[in-house]
Amino acid sequence: MNAVDSDWEELEKHNRTIEDNLRKYWELVEDVQKNQNQLRVEINGQRKRLQKYTDLIKNEAKQGKSVENSVKQLKIRAKQKSLEEVEIWLPKDNGRILGTILGPVDISLNTRSDKFRYKSNYERFKLTVMMLNTVLAMTNLCIGSVRVLDALLNYLLVWYYCTLTIREHILIVNGSRIKRWWILHHYISIFLSGILLIWPDSVSYQMFRKQFLIFCVYNSCVAVLQFYYQNGSLYRLRALGQSSTMALTVEGFQSWMWRGLSFLLPFLFAGYAFMLYNSYSLYHISQHPECHEWQVLWLSVIFLVLFLGNFVTLLRVIVAKITTDKAAAKQLSRRYSMCD
């Protein structure tokens, strides 16, 4: 047997090994799918049992067993939360939007490292684009009115918000919890940036250009500031077991930010006030005799919607926090009064 035949036999042996490993891989994939289906059945069954248990507790509550029922309700909530944590690791339906964009593709990330890596990449993407947006907006402010650079900035914003929404839907499928308003906020921002992109270079455009660029610089700087502080806070909360691995930084304010991040509130209120001022300025420009563009009034309405949505969302977080603190204080006072 010559050297060529010997090498060929070795190659055939490796090829058979690869085929055997592939067969084992297919079997493992089938086992995983069976386990996933079994888990779904068990979770649904457990939910039904918990619902029956909840109904029994409601009946007992009518008989005056409030203390015992409160303990049982806490146990039920703990079980429901446990089921939600298990369900995160099961594949989910892509939903209408992702289904339309990507088709029936499985976008579930199966390991903790994959989920965390994708989330970290999402965070770096936001930070990188916001820094680039700041540099480009400041450049446009410094060099004066260059329509190509203005269009480049607006195109960057359209691309950024389109990409951001797709990534956020993928993160939601994989267990991240994002408030509906922030998803809607990004869709509205796509519409806003698109209108800015097609706004012709006119008197009305030049009247608003500088103000919008200053708004972009401020908004991007606040976003970068939020990212660094929120990221650090989330890291500490994850280390203490008080936050999910898939928790995300956001442009607004959430309840977990009260510890150490409440100093961000004035910056957020100023940014929202800037949005309201943009809406007022654009409405004022739309009344100008030389303003003939439909984009001006539309932009005024969109900035007003963004202001209202952001402001109401922030107020709801603050009210919920105050209400929770008051309820906790009352509970503590009751405990101490019972001890006395």
Protein backbone atom coordinates (compact mmCIF):
# COMPACT_ATOMS: atom_id res chain seq x y z
CA MET A 1 0.00 0.00 0.00
CA ASN A 2 1.49 3.35 -1.03
CA ALA A 3 1.39 6.63 0.86
CA VAL A 4 -1.59 7.95 -1.17
CA ASP A 5 -3.78 4.93 -0.31
CA SER A 6 -2.82 5.20 3.35
CA ASP A 7 -3.75 8.88 3.46
CA TRP A 8 -7.03 8.14 1.70
CA GLU A 9 -7.98 5.50 4.30
CA GLU A 10 -7.18 7.98 7.06
CA LEU A 11 -9.40 10.57 5.33
CA GLU A 12 -12.25 8.03 5.04
CA LYS A 13 -11.94 7.22 8.74
CA HIS A 14 -12.20 10.91 9.69
CA ASN A 15 -15.15 11.31 7.35
CA ARG A 16 -17.01 8.43 9.06
CA THR A 17 -16.28 10.06 12.43
CA ILE A 18 -17.77 13.34 11.19
CA GLU A 19 -20.91 11.55 9.94
CA ASP A 20 -21.29 9.74 13.30
CA ASN A 21 -20.94 13.04 15.18
CA LEU A 22 -23.50 14.65 12.86
CA ARG A 23 -25.94 11.81 13.56
CA LYS A 24 -25.43 12.28 17.30
CA TYR A 25 -25.98 16.02 16.88
CA TRP A 26 -29.32 15.43 15.10
CA GLU A 27 -30.42 13.09 17.89
CA LEU A 28 -29.50 15.68 20.51
CA VAL A 29 -31.45 18.38 18.61
CA GLU A 30 -34.52 16.11 18.50
CA ASP A 31 -34.15 15.42 22.24
CA VAL A 32 -33.93 19.16 22.94
CA GLN A 33 -37.10 19.80 20.93
CA LYS A 34 -38.93 17.02 22.79
CA ASN A 35 -37.80 18.44 26.15
CA GLN A 36 -38.94 21.92 25.09
CA ASN A 37 -42.41 20.64 24.17
CA GLN A 38 -42.59 18.68 27.44
CA LEU A 39 -41.61 21.79 29.41
CA ARG A 40 -44.33 23.84 27.70
CA VAL A 41 -46.96 21.23 28.62
CA GLU A 42 -45.75 21.11 32.25
CA ILE A 43 -45.65 24.93 32.54
CA ASN A 44 -49.20 25.27 31.18
CA GLY A 45 -50.41 22.57 33.57
CA GLN A 46 -48.72 24.27 36.53
CA ARG A 47 -50.29 27.60 35.58
CA LYS A 48 -53.74 26.02 35.55
CA ARG A 49 -53.14 24.51 38.99
CA LEU A 50 -51.93 27.86 40.33
CA GLN A 51 -55.03 29.55 38.92
CA LYS A 52 -57.27 27.02 40.69
CA TYR A 53 -55.31 27.60 43.89
CA THR A 54 -55.79 31.38 43.46
CA ASP A 55 -59.56 30.88 43.09
CA LEU A 56 -59.61 28.81 46.30
CA ILE A 57 -57.76 31.58 48.16
CA LYS A 58 -60.34 34.13 46.98
CA ASN A 59 -63.10 31.95 48.40
CA GLU A 60 -61.21 31.65 51.70
CA ALA A 61 -60.75 35.43 51.79
CA LYS A 62 -64.51 35.81 52.03
CA GLN A 63 -64.33 33.77 55.25
CA GLY A 64 -61.90 36.24 56.87
CA LYS A 65 -58.61 34.33 56.60
CA SER A 66 -56.66 37.39 55.40
CA VAL A 67 -53.32 36.69 57.17
CA GLU A 68 -53.05 33.13 55.90
CA ASN A 69 -54.13 34.20 52.42
CA SER A 70 -51.48 36.92 52.16
CA VAL A 71 -48.76 34.32 52.81
CA LYS A 72 -50.28 31.98 50.23
CA GLN A 73 -50.49 34.77 47.65
CA LEU A 74 -46.82 35.53 48.13
CA LYS A 75 -46.03 31.87 47.51
CA ILE A 76 -48.17 31.87 44.36
CA ARG A 77 -46.38 34.96 43.01
CA ALA A 78 -43.03 33.30 43.69
CA LYS A 79 -44.13 30.20 41.78
CA GLN A 80 -45.42 32.30 38.86
CA LYS A 81 -42.15 34.20 38.70
CA SER A 82 -40.25 30.90 38.73
CA LEU A 83 -42.32 29.68 35.77
CA GLU A 84 -41.58 32.90 33.88
CA GLU A 85 -37.84 32.40 34.47
CA VAL A 86 -38.08 28.86 33.06
CA GLU A 87 -40.14 30.04 30.07
CA ILE A 88 -37.43 32.54 29.09
CA TRP A 89 -35.27 29.61 27.93
CA LEU A 90 -37.94 28.19 25.62
CA PRO A 91 -38.24 29.30 21.97
CA LYS A 92 -40.95 31.90 21.38
CA ASP A 93 -42.96 33.03 18.41
CA ASN A 94 -41.23 35.86 16.51
CA GLY A 95 -44.37 37.97 16.44
CA ARG A 96 -45.82 39.86 13.50
CA ILE A 97 -43.03 42.38 13.01
CA LEU A 98 -40.07 40.00 13.17
CA GLY A 99 -42.08 37.38 11.31
CA THR A 100 -42.64 39.86 8.48
CA ILE A 101 -39.01 41.03 8.38
CA LEU A 102 -37.15 37.74 9.00
CA GLY A 103 -39.74 35.10 8.20
CA PRO A 104 -40.25 31.91 10.26
CA VAL A 105 -36.66 31.82 11.52
CA ASP A 106 -35.81 30.60 15.02
CA ILE A 107 -34.02 33.52 16.69
CA SER A 108 -33.92 32.01 20.18
CA LEU A 109 -30.52 32.13 21.87
CA ASN A 110 -30.16 28.87 23.78
CA THR A 111 -27.34 29.58 26.24
CA ARG A 112 -26.78 32.24 28.90
CA SER A 113 -23.51 33.27 27.26
CA ASP A 114 -25.20 33.74 23.85
CA LYS A 115 -27.99 35.84 25.37
CA PHE A 116 -25.60 37.99 27.38
CA ARG A 117 -23.25 38.40 24.38
CA TYR A 118 -26.12 39.59 22.16
CA LYS A 119 -27.37 41.98 24.85
CA SER A 120 -23.86 43.39 25.33
CA ASN A 121 -23.51 43.86 21.58
CA TYR A 122 -26.82 45.74 21.57
CA GLU A 123 -25.57 48.04 24.34
CA ARG A 124 -22.27 48.71 22.52
CA PHE A 125 -24.19 49.42 19.31
CA LYS A 126 -26.29 52.09 21.04
CA LEU A 127 -23.24 53.69 22.64
CA THR A 128 -21.21 53.73 19.40
CA VAL A 129 -23.99 55.26 17.29
CA MET A 130 -24.81 57.88 19.94
CA MET A 131 -21.16 58.95 20.07
CA LEU A 132 -21.03 59.09 16.27
CA ASN A 133 -24.26 61.09 16.25
CA THR A 134 -22.77 63.59 18.73
CA VAL A 135 -19.62 64.07 16.63
CA LEU A 136 -21.58 64.46 13.38
CA ALA A 137 -24.08 66.93 14.90
CA MET A 138 -21.26 69.05 16.40
CA THR A 139 -19.42 68.99 13.06
CA ASN A 140 -22.55 70.24 11.28
CA LEU A 141 -22.91 73.01 13.86
CA CYS A 142 -19.31 74.14 13.42
CA ILE A 143 -18.98 74.10 9.61
CA GLY A 144 -22.34 75.67 8.81
CA SER A 145 -25.13 74.52 6.51
CA VAL A 146 -23.96 71.66 4.29
CA ARG A 147 -27.01 69.77 3.05
CA VAL A 148 -25.12 66.52 2.37
CA LEU A 149 -23.85 66.33 5.96
CA ASP A 150 -27.30 67.18 7.34
CA ALA A 151 -28.81 64.39 5.22
CA LEU A 152 -26.08 62.02 6.45
CA LEU A 153 -27.00 62.77 10.07
CA ASN A 154 -30.71 62.19 9.43
CA TYR A 155 -29.98 59.01 7.48
CA LEU A 156 -27.87 57.79 10.40
CA LEU A 157 -30.83 58.37 12.74
CA VAL A 158 -33.25 56.50 10.43
CA TRP A 159 -30.86 53.54 10.12
CA TYR A 160 -30.14 53.58 13.86
CA TYR A 161 -33.75 53.47 15.01
CA CYS A 162 -34.71 50.85 12.38
CA THR A 163 -31.84 48.60 13.49
CA LEU A 164 -32.55 49.29 17.16
CA THR A 165 -36.20 48.21 16.94
CA ILE A 166 -35.31 44.93 15.19
CA ARG A 167 -32.67 44.15 17.82
CA GLU A 168 -35.08 45.00 20.63
CA HIS A 169 -37.71 42.61 19.27
CA ILE A 170 -35.06 39.87 19.17
CA LEU A 171 -34.12 40.69 22.78
CA ILE A 172 -37.79 40.53 23.83
CA VAL A 173 -38.08 37.05 22.29
CA ASN A 174 -35.03 36.07 24.35
CA GLY A 175 -36.30 37.29 27.70
CA SER A 176 -35.62 41.03 27.90
CA ARG A 177 -38.43 43.16 29.31
CA ILE A 178 -38.82 46.48 27.48
CA LYS A 179 -41.72 48.82 28.15
CA ARG A 180 -44.09 49.13 25.20
CA TRP A 181 -43.66 52.90 25.17
CA TRP A 182 -39.93 52.65 24.38
CA ILE A 183 -40.63 50.33 21.45
CA LEU A 184 -43.31 52.75 20.22
CA HIS A 185 -40.95 55.67 20.90
CA HIS A 186 -38.38 54.18 18.51
CA TYR A 187 -40.99 53.62 15.79
CA ILE A 188 -42.09 57.24 16.11
CA SER A 189 -38.42 58.30 15.99
CA ILE A 190 -38.03 56.42 12.68
CA PHE A 191 -40.95 58.43 11.29
CA LEU A 192 -39.51 61.67 12.70
CA SER A 193 -36.03 61.07 11.23
CA GLY A 194 -37.52 60.09 7.87
CA ILE A 195 -39.46 63.37 7.65
CA LEU A 196 -36.32 65.32 8.60
CA LEU A 197 -34.42 63.48 5.85
CA ILE A 198 -36.87 64.51 3.10
CA TRP A 199 -37.42 68.08 4.38
CA PRO A 200 -36.15 70.30 1.53
CA ASP A 201 -33.51 72.98 2.12
CA SER A 202 -35.77 76.00 2.54
CA VAL A 203 -36.31 79.03 4.74
CA SER A 204 -38.21 76.96 7.31
CA TYR A 205 -35.47 74.29 7.31
CA GLN A 206 -32.74 76.85 7.99
CA MET A 207 -34.83 78.42 10.77
CA PHE A 208 -34.96 75.12 12.65
CA ARG A 209 -31.62 73.57 11.63
CA LYS A 210 -29.39 74.97 14.39
CA GLN A 211 -31.92 74.25 17.13
CA PHE A 212 -32.29 70.64 15.99
CA LEU A 213 -28.52 70.09 15.88
CA ILE A 214 -28.18 71.45 19.44
CA PHE A 215 -31.00 69.10 20.48
CA CYS A 216 -29.17 66.16 18.85
CA VAL A 217 -25.95 66.99 20.71
CA TYR A 218 -27.74 67.32 24.05
CA ASN A 219 -29.84 64.19 23.53
CA SER A 220 -26.83 62.09 22.52
CA CYS A 221 -24.71 63.35 25.44
CA VAL A 222 -27.49 62.48 27.91
CA ALA A 223 -27.87 59.05 26.27
CA VAL A 224 -24.13 58.36 26.67
CA LEU A 225 -24.25 59.59 30.30
CA GLN A 226 -27.23 57.32 30.98
CA PHE A 227 -25.53 54.35 29.38
CA TYR A 228 -22.43 54.51 31.58
CA TYR A 229 -24.33 55.02 34.84
CA GLN A 230 -27.13 52.55 34.06
CA ASN A 231 -24.68 49.91 32.88
CA GLY A 232 -22.71 50.19 36.13
CA SER A 233 -25.88 50.07 38.21
CA LEU A 234 -27.21 47.01 36.33
CA TYR A 235 -23.87 45.25 36.84
CA ARG A 236 -24.14 45.76 40.62
CA LEU A 237 -27.79 44.65 40.70
CA ARG A 238 -26.97 41.51 38.71
CA ALA A 239 -24.11 40.73 41.10
CA LEU A 240 -26.56 41.03 44.04
CA GLY A 241 -29.16 38.91 42.26
CA GLN A 242 -31.64 41.81 42.12
CA SER A 243 -31.73 42.16 38.32
CA SER A 244 -32.13 39.87 35.32
CA THR A 245 -29.16 39.08 33.06
CA MET A 246 -31.18 40.41 30.13
CA ALA A 247 -32.09 43.78 31.74
CA LEU A 248 -31.31 46.67 29.38
CA THR A 249 -30.31 50.30 29.59
CA VAL A 250 -33.06 52.66 28.37
CA GLU A 251 -33.36 56.29 27.28
CA GLY A 252 -35.78 57.01 30.12
CA PHE A 253 -36.08 56.26 33.81
CA GLN A 254 -37.22 53.02 35.48
CA SER A 255 -37.93 52.01 39.07
CA TRP A 256 -34.62 50.17 39.59
CA MET A 257 -32.72 53.44 38.93
CA TRP A 258 -33.74 55.14 42.17
CA ARG A 259 -30.65 53.87 43.95
CA GLY A 260 -27.80 56.09 42.79
CA LEU A 261 -29.33 57.24 39.49
CA SER A 262 -31.97 59.75 40.59
CA PHE A 263 -29.50 62.55 39.72
CA LEU A 264 -30.33 61.78 36.04
CA LEU A 265 -33.89 63.09 36.47
CA PRO A 266 -33.05 66.80 35.88
CA PHE A 267 -31.23 65.91 32.63
CA LEU A 268 -34.22 63.87 31.47
CA PHE A 269 -36.72 66.61 32.36
CA ALA A 270 -34.56 69.13 30.48
CA GLY A 271 -34.46 66.84 27.43
CA TYR A 272 -38.25 66.42 27.49
CA ALA A 273 -38.69 70.19 27.86
CA PHE A 274 -36.42 70.59 24.82
CA MET A 275 -38.80 68.32 22.85
CA LEU A 276 -41.74 70.50 23.87
CA TYR A 277 -39.79 73.60 22.83
CA ASN A 278 -39.04 71.97 19.46
CA SER A 279 -42.76 71.35 18.98
CA TYR A 280 -43.58 74.96 19.84
CA SER A 281 -40.83 76.34 17.58
CA LEU A 282 -41.92 74.22 14.63
CA TYR A 283 -45.54 75.27 15.08
CA HIS A 284 -44.40 78.90 15.16
CA ILE A 285 -42.32 78.35 11.98
CA SER A 286 -45.33 76.75 10.25
CA GLN A 287 -47.15 80.09 10.61
CA HIS A 288 -44.33 81.93 8.81
CA PRO A 289 -45.38 83.47 5.45
CA GLU A 290 -42.48 81.76 3.62
CA CYS A 291 -43.18 78.32 5.07
CA HIS A 292 -44.84 76.08 2.47
CA GLU A 293 -43.55 72.64 3.54
CA TRP A 294 -45.91 70.06 5.10
CA GLN A 295 -43.02 68.57 7.07
CA VAL A 296 -42.96 71.46 9.57
CA LEU A 297 -46.40 70.91 11.12
CA TRP A 298 -45.98 67.13 11.11
CA LEU A 299 -42.68 67.42 12.96
CA SER A 300 -44.29 69.73 15.49
CA VAL A 301 -46.99 67.14 16.22
CA ILE A 302 -44.45 64.28 16.47
CA PHE A 303 -42.22 66.17 18.90
CA LEU A 304 -45.30 66.91 21.01
CA VAL A 305 -46.27 63.20 21.03
CA LEU A 306 -42.72 62.21 22.05
CA PHE A 307 -42.73 64.80 24.85
CA LEU A 308 -46.10 63.63 26.20
CA GLY A 309 -45.17 59.95 26.02
CA ASN A 310 -41.80 60.41 27.73
CA PHE A 311 -43.14 62.80 30.35
CA VAL A 312 -46.17 60.65 31.26
CA THR A 313 -43.99 57.50 31.42
CA LEU A 314 -41.55 59.24 33.76
CA LEU A 315 -44.34 60.57 35.98
CA ARG A 316 -45.87 57.09 36.22
CA VAL A 317 -42.53 55.68 37.41
CA ILE A 318 -42.23 58.43 40.06
CA VAL A 319 -45.85 58.01 41.27
CA ALA A 320 -45.44 54.20 41.42
CA LYS A 321 -42.26 54.60 43.46
CA ILE A 322 -43.90 57.03 45.93
CA THR A 323 -46.94 54.73 46.27
CA THR A 324 -44.73 51.68 46.87
CA ASP A 325 -42.71 53.52 49.52
CA LYS A 326 -45.88 54.64 51.31
CA ALA A 327 -47.27 51.09 51.27
CA ALA A 328 -43.97 49.72 52.65
CA ALA A 329 -43.95 52.37 55.39
CA LYS A 330 -47.54 51.50 56.41
CA GLN A 331 -46.68 47.80 56.52
CA LEU A 332 -43.69 48.47 58.76
CA SER A 333 -45.71 50.66 61.10
CA ARG A 334 -48.36 47.92 61.41
CA ARG A 335 -45.71 45.36 62.29
CA TYR A 336 -44.21 47.59 64.98
CA SER A 337 -47.66 48.41 66.40
CA MET A 338 -48.46 44.68 66.62
CA CYS A 339 -45.15 44.09 68.45
CA ASP A 340 -46.00 46.83 70.96
